[in-house]
Amino acid sequence: MAMSTKLVVILRDDLSPALAANAGVVLGLALGGRLENSLAADGKDADGGVHAGLNPHPVPTLVASGERLREIKAEADEQGLTVVGFNEVARRSRDYDAYLDALAATPARDMEYAGVAVHGPRTALNRLTRKLELMR
């Protein structure tokens, strides 16, 4: 049975593998912290070892241009979807206070995103991401 909600991570298409991995982790942690019941039950392997529960959603990782990421973030915000943007201001800041200070001085039109993560109704996310490619 398909879930009625969907979760996607969309990374900028020009990120190096190391920056893409970092952006994906940051986005996953930030989005997961905003979702209720985001983890399934713990499981046990055949030897009785416990494995922490995972997010039950499949998480496609897609790619888009920096410009398209900014558009997706704005469209997701307008639709009231749960959206997290990992921007270059955050990526370049050495601590969270420095990030908040730099963010407060950066106009939205100048915001560059390394990636965004979005959660919401499956149909809304399909419309928002249908033309994007999977990350390779």
N, C-alpha and C. Protein backbone atom coordinates (compact mmCIF):
# COMPACT_ATOMS: atom_id res chain seq x y z
N MET A 1 0.84 -1.19 0.00
CA MET A 1 0.00 0.00 0.00
C MET A 1 0.89 1.25 0.00
N ALA A 2 0.63 2.16 -0.90
CA ALA A 2 1.42 3.38 -1.00
C ALA A 2 1.09 4.33 0.15
N MET A 3 2.12 5.04 0.60
CA MET A 3 1.91 6.03 1.66
C MET A 3 1.27 7.26 1.04
N SER A 4 0.47 7.98 1.82
CA SER A 4 -0.18 9.18 1.31
C SER A 4 0.75 10.39 1.32
N THR A 5 1.86 10.27 2.04
CA THR A 5 2.84 11.35 2.07
C THR A 5 4.13 10.89 1.42
N LYS A 6 4.95 11.87 1.11
CA LYS A 6 6.21 11.59 0.44
C LYS A 6 7.29 12.49 1.03
N LEU A 7 8.50 12.04 0.94
CA LEU A 7 9.66 12.79 1.41
C LEU A 7 10.70 12.74 0.30
N VAL A 8 11.25 13.89 -0.07
CA VAL A 8 12.31 13.92 -1.08
C VAL A 8 13.44 14.81 -0.59
N VAL A 9 14.64 14.48 -1.02
CA VAL A 9 15.82 15.32 -0.82
C VAL A 9 16.27 15.72 -2.22
N ILE A 10 16.47 17.01 -2.41
CA ILE A 10 16.89 17.52 -3.72
C ILE A 10 18.20 18.29 -3.52
N LEU A 11 19.25 17.82 -4.17
CA LEU A 11 20.56 18.44 -4.02
C LEU A 11 20.93 19.20 -5.29
N ARG A 12 21.74 20.23 -5.09
CA ARG A 12 22.21 21.00 -6.25
C ARG A 12 23.08 20.11 -7.12
N ASP A 13 22.87 20.18 -8.40
CA ASP A 13 23.48 19.25 -9.34
C ASP A 13 24.99 19.41 -9.52
N ASP A 14 25.59 20.46 -8.98
CA ASP A 14 27.04 20.65 -9.15
C ASP A 14 27.85 20.40 -7.88
N LEU A 15 27.23 19.80 -6.86
CA LEU A 15 27.96 19.54 -5.62
C LEU A 15 28.93 18.37 -5.79
N SER A 16 30.09 18.49 -5.14
CA SER A 16 31.01 17.36 -5.11
C SER A 16 30.38 16.25 -4.27
N PRO A 17 30.86 15.01 -4.40
CA PRO A 17 30.29 13.92 -3.59
C PRO A 17 30.34 14.21 -2.08
N ALA A 18 31.42 14.78 -1.60
CA ALA A 18 31.53 15.07 -0.16
C ALA A 18 30.50 16.11 0.27
N LEU A 19 30.34 17.18 -0.50
CA LEU A 19 29.36 18.22 -0.16
C LEU A 19 27.94 17.70 -0.30
N ALA A 20 27.70 16.85 -1.29
CA ALA A 20 26.37 16.26 -1.47
C ALA A 20 26.02 15.37 -0.28
N ALA A 21 26.97 14.57 0.17
CA ALA A 21 26.73 13.70 1.33
C ALA A 21 26.44 14.55 2.56
N ASN A 22 27.23 15.59 2.78
CA ASN A 22 27.02 16.47 3.92
C ASN A 22 25.65 17.14 3.85
N ALA A 23 25.30 17.67 2.70
CA ALA A 23 24.00 18.34 2.55
C ALA A 23 22.85 17.37 2.80
N GLY A 24 22.96 16.16 2.28
CA GLY A 24 21.91 15.17 2.49
C GLY A 24 21.71 14.83 3.96
N VAL A 25 22.80 14.69 4.69
CA VAL A 25 22.71 14.38 6.12
C VAL A 25 22.09 15.55 6.88
N VAL A 26 22.57 16.76 6.61
CA VAL A 26 22.03 17.94 7.30
C VAL A 26 20.53 18.07 7.04
N LEU A 27 20.13 17.91 5.78
CA LEU A 27 18.71 18.02 5.44
C LEU A 27 17.88 16.92 6.09
N GLY A 28 18.39 15.70 6.07
CA GLY A 28 17.65 14.59 6.67
C GLY A 28 17.44 14.78 8.16
N LEU A 29 18.48 15.21 8.85
CA LEU A 29 18.35 15.44 10.29
C LEU A 29 17.37 16.56 10.58
N ALA A 30 17.48 17.66 9.84
CA ALA A 30 16.60 18.80 10.09
C ALA A 30 15.15 18.48 9.77
N LEU A 31 14.91 17.79 8.66
CA LEU A 31 13.54 17.45 8.31
C LEU A 31 12.97 16.41 9.27
N GLY A 32 13.76 15.40 9.59
CA GLY A 32 13.30 14.36 10.51
C GLY A 32 12.88 14.91 11.86
N GLY A 33 13.58 15.95 12.31
CA GLY A 33 13.24 16.57 13.59
C GLY A 33 11.91 17.31 13.57
N ARG A 34 11.39 17.58 12.38
CA ARG A 34 10.13 18.30 12.24
C ARG A 34 8.94 17.39 12.01
N LEU A 35 9.18 16.11 11.79
CA LEU A 35 8.10 15.19 11.46
C LEU A 35 7.71 14.34 12.66
N GLU A 36 6.41 14.26 12.92
CA GLU A 36 5.92 13.37 13.96
C GLU A 36 5.98 11.93 13.46
N ASN A 37 6.24 11.02 14.34
CA ASN A 37 6.26 9.60 13.99
C ASN A 37 7.15 9.33 12.78
N SER A 38 8.32 9.96 12.76
CA SER A 38 9.20 9.82 11.60
C SER A 38 10.04 8.55 11.64
N LEU A 39 10.00 7.83 12.74
CA LEU A 39 10.79 6.61 12.85
C LEU A 39 9.89 5.40 13.07
N ALA A 40 10.20 4.33 12.38
CA ALA A 40 9.49 3.07 12.59
C ALA A 40 10.06 2.38 13.82
N ALA A 41 9.44 1.29 14.22
CA ALA A 41 9.88 0.55 15.39
C ALA A 41 11.27 -0.06 15.16
N ASP A 42 12.00 -0.23 16.25
CA ASP A 42 13.27 -0.93 16.19
C ASP A 42 13.01 -2.36 15.72
N GLY A 43 14.01 -2.97 15.15
CA GLY A 43 13.89 -4.35 14.70
C GLY A 43 15.03 -5.19 15.26
N LYS A 44 14.87 -6.49 15.20
CA LYS A 44 15.92 -7.41 15.67
C LYS A 44 16.35 -8.29 14.52
N ASP A 45 17.65 -8.58 14.49
CA ASP A 45 18.14 -9.51 13.49
C ASP A 45 17.99 -10.94 14.01
N ALA A 46 18.40 -11.92 13.23
CA ALA A 46 18.22 -13.33 13.59
C ALA A 46 18.99 -13.72 14.85
N ASP A 47 20.01 -12.95 15.20
CA ASP A 47 20.79 -13.24 16.41
C ASP A 47 20.31 -12.45 17.62
N GLY A 48 19.25 -11.67 17.47
CA GLY A 48 18.71 -10.90 18.59
C GLY A 48 19.29 -9.51 18.71
N GLY A 49 20.20 -9.13 17.80
CA GLY A 49 20.76 -7.78 17.83
C GLY A 49 19.71 -6.76 17.44
N VAL A 50 19.69 -5.65 18.16
CA VAL A 50 18.69 -4.61 17.92
C VAL A 50 19.23 -3.60 16.90
N HIS A 51 18.36 -3.25 15.97
CA HIS A 51 18.67 -2.25 14.94
C HIS A 51 17.67 -1.11 15.07
N ALA A 52 18.17 0.10 15.23
CA ALA A 52 17.32 1.27 15.43
C ALA A 52 16.33 1.42 14.28
N GLY A 53 15.13 1.84 14.61
CA GLY A 53 14.10 2.06 13.60
C GLY A 53 14.51 3.14 12.61
N LEU A 54 14.07 2.98 11.39
CA LEU A 54 14.38 3.91 10.32
C LEU A 54 13.13 4.68 9.91
N ASN A 55 13.31 5.72 9.15
CA ASN A 55 12.18 6.42 8.56
C ASN A 55 11.52 5.45 7.57
N PRO A 56 10.21 5.23 7.66
CA PRO A 56 9.56 4.27 6.77
C PRO A 56 9.35 4.77 5.34
N HIS A 57 9.55 6.05 5.09
CA HIS A 57 9.40 6.60 3.73
C HIS A 57 10.59 6.22 2.87
N PRO A 58 10.35 5.86 1.63
CA PRO A 58 11.47 5.84 0.68
C PRO A 58 11.94 7.29 0.56
N VAL A 59 13.22 7.50 0.34
CA VAL A 59 13.74 8.87 0.23
C VAL A 59 14.49 9.02 -1.08
N PRO A 60 13.79 9.38 -2.16
CA PRO A 60 14.51 9.61 -3.40
C PRO A 60 15.41 10.83 -3.25
N THR A 61 16.60 10.73 -3.77
CA THR A 61 17.52 11.86 -3.78
C THR A 61 17.61 12.33 -5.23
N LEU A 62 17.15 13.55 -5.43
CA LEU A 62 17.05 14.13 -6.77
C LEU A 62 18.07 15.25 -6.91
N VAL A 63 18.26 15.73 -8.13
CA VAL A 63 19.16 16.85 -8.36
C VAL A 63 18.44 17.93 -9.16
N ALA A 64 18.88 19.17 -8.92
CA ALA A 64 18.32 20.32 -9.63
C ALA A 64 19.37 21.43 -9.65
N SER A 65 19.17 22.37 -10.53
CA SER A 65 20.06 23.53 -10.58
C SER A 65 19.82 24.40 -9.34
N GLY A 66 20.76 25.27 -9.06
CA GLY A 66 20.59 26.19 -7.94
C GLY A 66 19.35 27.05 -8.08
N GLU A 67 19.09 27.52 -9.29
CA GLU A 67 17.90 28.33 -9.54
C GLU A 67 16.63 27.53 -9.28
N ARG A 68 16.59 26.29 -9.74
CA ARG A 68 15.40 25.45 -9.54
C ARG A 68 15.21 25.14 -8.06
N LEU A 69 16.30 24.96 -7.31
CA LEU A 69 16.18 24.73 -5.87
C LEU A 69 15.49 25.91 -5.18
N ARG A 70 15.89 27.12 -5.55
CA ARG A 70 15.27 28.31 -4.97
C ARG A 70 13.77 28.34 -5.30
N GLU A 71 13.41 27.98 -6.53
CA GLU A 71 12.00 27.93 -6.93
C GLU A 71 11.23 26.87 -6.16
N ILE A 72 11.83 25.70 -6.02
CA ILE A 72 11.17 24.60 -5.28
C ILE A 72 10.94 25.00 -3.84
N LYS A 73 11.94 25.61 -3.22
CA LYS A 73 11.80 26.06 -1.82
C LYS A 73 10.63 27.02 -1.71
N ALA A 74 10.56 28.00 -2.61
CA ALA A 74 9.48 28.99 -2.57
C ALA A 74 8.12 28.34 -2.82
N GLU A 75 8.03 27.44 -3.80
CA GLU A 75 6.77 26.76 -4.10
C GLU A 75 6.32 25.90 -2.92
N ALA A 76 7.26 25.19 -2.31
CA ALA A 76 6.91 24.35 -1.16
C ALA A 76 6.42 25.20 0.01
N ASP A 77 7.10 26.33 0.24
CA ASP A 77 6.66 27.24 1.30
C ASP A 77 5.24 27.75 1.02
N GLU A 78 4.98 28.16 -0.23
CA GLU A 78 3.66 28.67 -0.61
C GLU A 78 2.56 27.63 -0.40
N GLN A 79 2.88 26.36 -0.62
CA GLN A 79 1.90 25.29 -0.49
C GLN A 79 1.77 24.79 0.95
N GLY A 80 2.56 25.34 1.85
CA GLY A 80 2.48 24.92 3.25
C GLY A 80 3.08 23.55 3.52
N LEU A 81 3.96 23.09 2.63
CA LEU A 81 4.63 21.80 2.84
C LEU A 81 5.73 21.97 3.88
N THR A 82 6.14 20.89 4.48
CA THR A 82 7.27 20.94 5.39
C THR A 82 8.54 20.95 4.54
N VAL A 83 9.30 22.02 4.63
CA VAL A 83 10.47 22.18 3.77
C VAL A 83 11.65 22.70 4.60
N VAL A 84 12.81 22.14 4.32
CA VAL A 84 14.05 22.58 4.94
C VAL A 84 15.02 22.91 3.81
N GLY A 85 15.61 24.08 3.86
CA GLY A 85 16.63 24.45 2.89
C GLY A 85 17.99 24.52 3.56
N PHE A 86 18.96 23.88 2.95
CA PHE A 86 20.34 23.98 3.43
C PHE A 86 21.04 24.94 2.48
N ASN A 87 21.26 26.16 2.96
CA ASN A 87 21.80 27.20 2.10
C ASN A 87 23.30 27.36 2.29
N GLU A 88 23.88 28.10 1.36
CA GLU A 88 25.33 28.33 1.39
C GLU A 88 25.75 29.17 2.59
N VAL A 89 24.86 30.02 3.09
CA VAL A 89 25.17 30.79 4.29
C VAL A 89 25.42 29.81 5.44
N ALA A 90 24.57 28.82 5.59
CA ALA A 90 24.74 27.82 6.65
C ALA A 90 25.96 26.95 6.40
N ARG A 91 26.12 26.51 5.15
CA ARG A 91 27.22 25.61 4.83
C ARG A 91 28.57 26.25 5.11
N ARG A 92 28.68 27.54 4.93
CA ARG A 92 29.96 28.24 5.11
C ARG A 92 30.18 28.76 6.52
N SER A 93 29.15 28.73 7.35
CA SER A 93 29.28 29.23 8.73
C SER A 93 29.94 28.19 9.61
N ARG A 94 30.73 28.65 10.55
CA ARG A 94 31.47 27.74 11.43
C ARG A 94 30.71 27.35 12.69
N ASP A 95 29.68 28.12 13.03
CA ASP A 95 28.82 27.74 14.16
C ASP A 95 27.44 28.35 13.92
N TYR A 96 26.47 27.91 14.71
CA TYR A 96 25.09 28.29 14.45
C TYR A 96 24.83 29.77 14.67
N ASP A 97 25.46 30.36 15.68
CA ASP A 97 25.29 31.80 15.90
C ASP A 97 25.81 32.61 14.72
N ALA A 98 26.95 32.21 14.17
CA ALA A 98 27.49 32.90 12.99
C ALA A 98 26.53 32.74 11.82
N TYR A 99 25.94 31.58 11.69
CA TYR A 99 24.95 31.34 10.62
C TYR A 99 23.77 32.28 10.78
N LEU A 100 23.21 32.36 11.98
CA LEU A 100 22.04 33.22 12.19
C LEU A 100 22.37 34.68 11.89
N ASP A 101 23.55 35.13 12.30
CA ASP A 101 23.96 36.51 12.01
C ASP A 101 24.09 36.74 10.51
N ALA A 102 24.75 35.82 9.82
CA ALA A 102 24.93 35.97 8.37
C ALA A 102 23.60 35.84 7.63
N LEU A 103 22.74 34.95 8.09
CA LEU A 103 21.42 34.78 7.48
C LEU A 103 20.61 36.06 7.57
N ALA A 104 20.65 36.71 8.73
CA ALA A 104 19.89 37.94 8.94
C ALA A 104 20.35 39.05 8.00
N ALA A 105 21.55 38.96 7.48
CA ALA A 105 22.09 39.98 6.57
C ALA A 105 21.98 39.58 5.10
N THR A 106 21.37 38.42 4.81
CA THR A 106 21.30 37.92 3.43
C THR A 106 19.86 38.01 2.91
N PRO A 107 19.63 38.82 1.86
CA PRO A 107 18.28 38.88 1.28
C PRO A 107 17.90 37.54 0.64
N ALA A 108 16.62 37.23 0.66
CA ALA A 108 16.13 35.96 0.09
C ALA A 108 16.53 35.82 -1.37
N ARG A 109 16.56 36.91 -2.13
CA ARG A 109 16.90 36.83 -3.56
C ARG A 109 18.35 36.40 -3.78
N ASP A 110 19.19 36.56 -2.74
CA ASP A 110 20.61 36.18 -2.84
C ASP A 110 20.90 34.80 -2.25
N MET A 111 19.86 34.13 -1.75
CA MET A 111 20.05 32.84 -1.10
C MET A 111 20.37 31.77 -2.13
N GLU A 112 21.46 31.06 -1.91
CA GLU A 112 21.84 29.93 -2.75
C GLU A 112 21.69 28.66 -1.91
N TYR A 113 21.09 27.63 -2.49
CA TYR A 113 20.84 26.40 -1.75
C TYR A 113 21.75 25.28 -2.22
N ALA A 114 22.31 24.55 -1.26
CA ALA A 114 23.01 23.31 -1.55
C ALA A 114 21.98 22.20 -1.75
N GLY A 115 20.84 22.34 -1.09
CA GLY A 115 19.78 21.37 -1.22
C GLY A 115 18.55 21.76 -0.42
N VAL A 116 17.46 21.06 -0.71
CA VAL A 116 16.23 21.21 0.06
C VAL A 116 15.66 19.82 0.30
N ALA A 117 14.96 19.68 1.40
CA ALA A 117 14.21 18.45 1.71
C ALA A 117 12.76 18.87 1.91
N VAL A 118 11.85 18.08 1.35
CA VAL A 118 10.43 18.43 1.41
C VAL A 118 9.62 17.20 1.79
N HIS A 119 8.61 17.42 2.64
CA HIS A 119 7.69 16.37 3.04
C HIS A 119 6.27 16.92 2.91
N GLY A 120 5.38 16.09 2.42
CA GLY A 120 3.99 16.50 2.31
C GLY A 120 3.18 15.48 1.54
N PRO A 121 1.99 15.87 1.14
CA PRO A 121 1.14 14.94 0.38
C PRO A 121 1.84 14.47 -0.89
N ARG A 122 1.73 13.20 -1.16
CA ARG A 122 2.39 12.59 -2.32
C ARG A 122 2.08 13.34 -3.62
N THR A 123 0.82 13.69 -3.82
CA THR A 123 0.45 14.36 -5.08
C THR A 123 1.13 15.71 -5.22
N ALA A 124 1.23 16.46 -4.14
CA ALA A 124 1.88 17.77 -4.19
C ALA A 124 3.37 17.63 -4.48
N LEU A 125 4.02 16.66 -3.86
CA LEU A 125 5.45 16.47 -4.10
C LEU A 125 5.71 15.93 -5.50
N ASN A 126 4.84 15.08 -6.00
CA ASN A 126 4.99 14.59 -7.37
C ASN A 126 4.92 15.74 -8.36
N ARG A 127 3.97 16.65 -8.18
CA ARG A 127 3.86 17.81 -9.06
C ARG A 127 5.11 18.69 -8.97
N LEU A 128 5.61 18.86 -7.76
CA LEU A 128 6.76 19.73 -7.53
C LEU A 128 8.07 19.17 -8.09
N THR A 129 8.19 17.84 -8.13
CA THR A 129 9.49 17.22 -8.47
C THR A 129 9.46 16.34 -9.70
N ARG A 130 8.35 16.26 -10.41
CA ARG A 130 8.20 15.27 -11.48
C ARG A 130 9.23 15.37 -12.60
N LYS A 131 9.80 16.52 -12.84
CA LYS A 131 10.75 16.67 -13.94
C LYS A 131 12.21 16.56 -13.48
N LEU A 132 12.43 16.29 -12.21
CA LEU A 132 13.79 16.22 -11.69
C LEU A 132 14.37 14.81 -11.89
N GLU A 133 15.67 14.75 -12.03
CA GLU A 133 16.36 13.47 -12.20
C GLU A 133 16.85 12.94 -10.86
N LEU A 134 16.96 11.63 -10.78
CA LEU A 134 17.60 11.00 -9.63
C LEU A 134 19.09 11.33 -9.62
N MET A 135 19.63 11.49 -8.42
CA MET A 135 21.07 11.70 -8.30
C MET A 135 21.79 10.42 -8.71
N ARG A 136 22.88 10.56 -9.43
CA ARG A 136 23.66 9.40 -9.87
C ARG A 136 25.04 9.45 -9.29
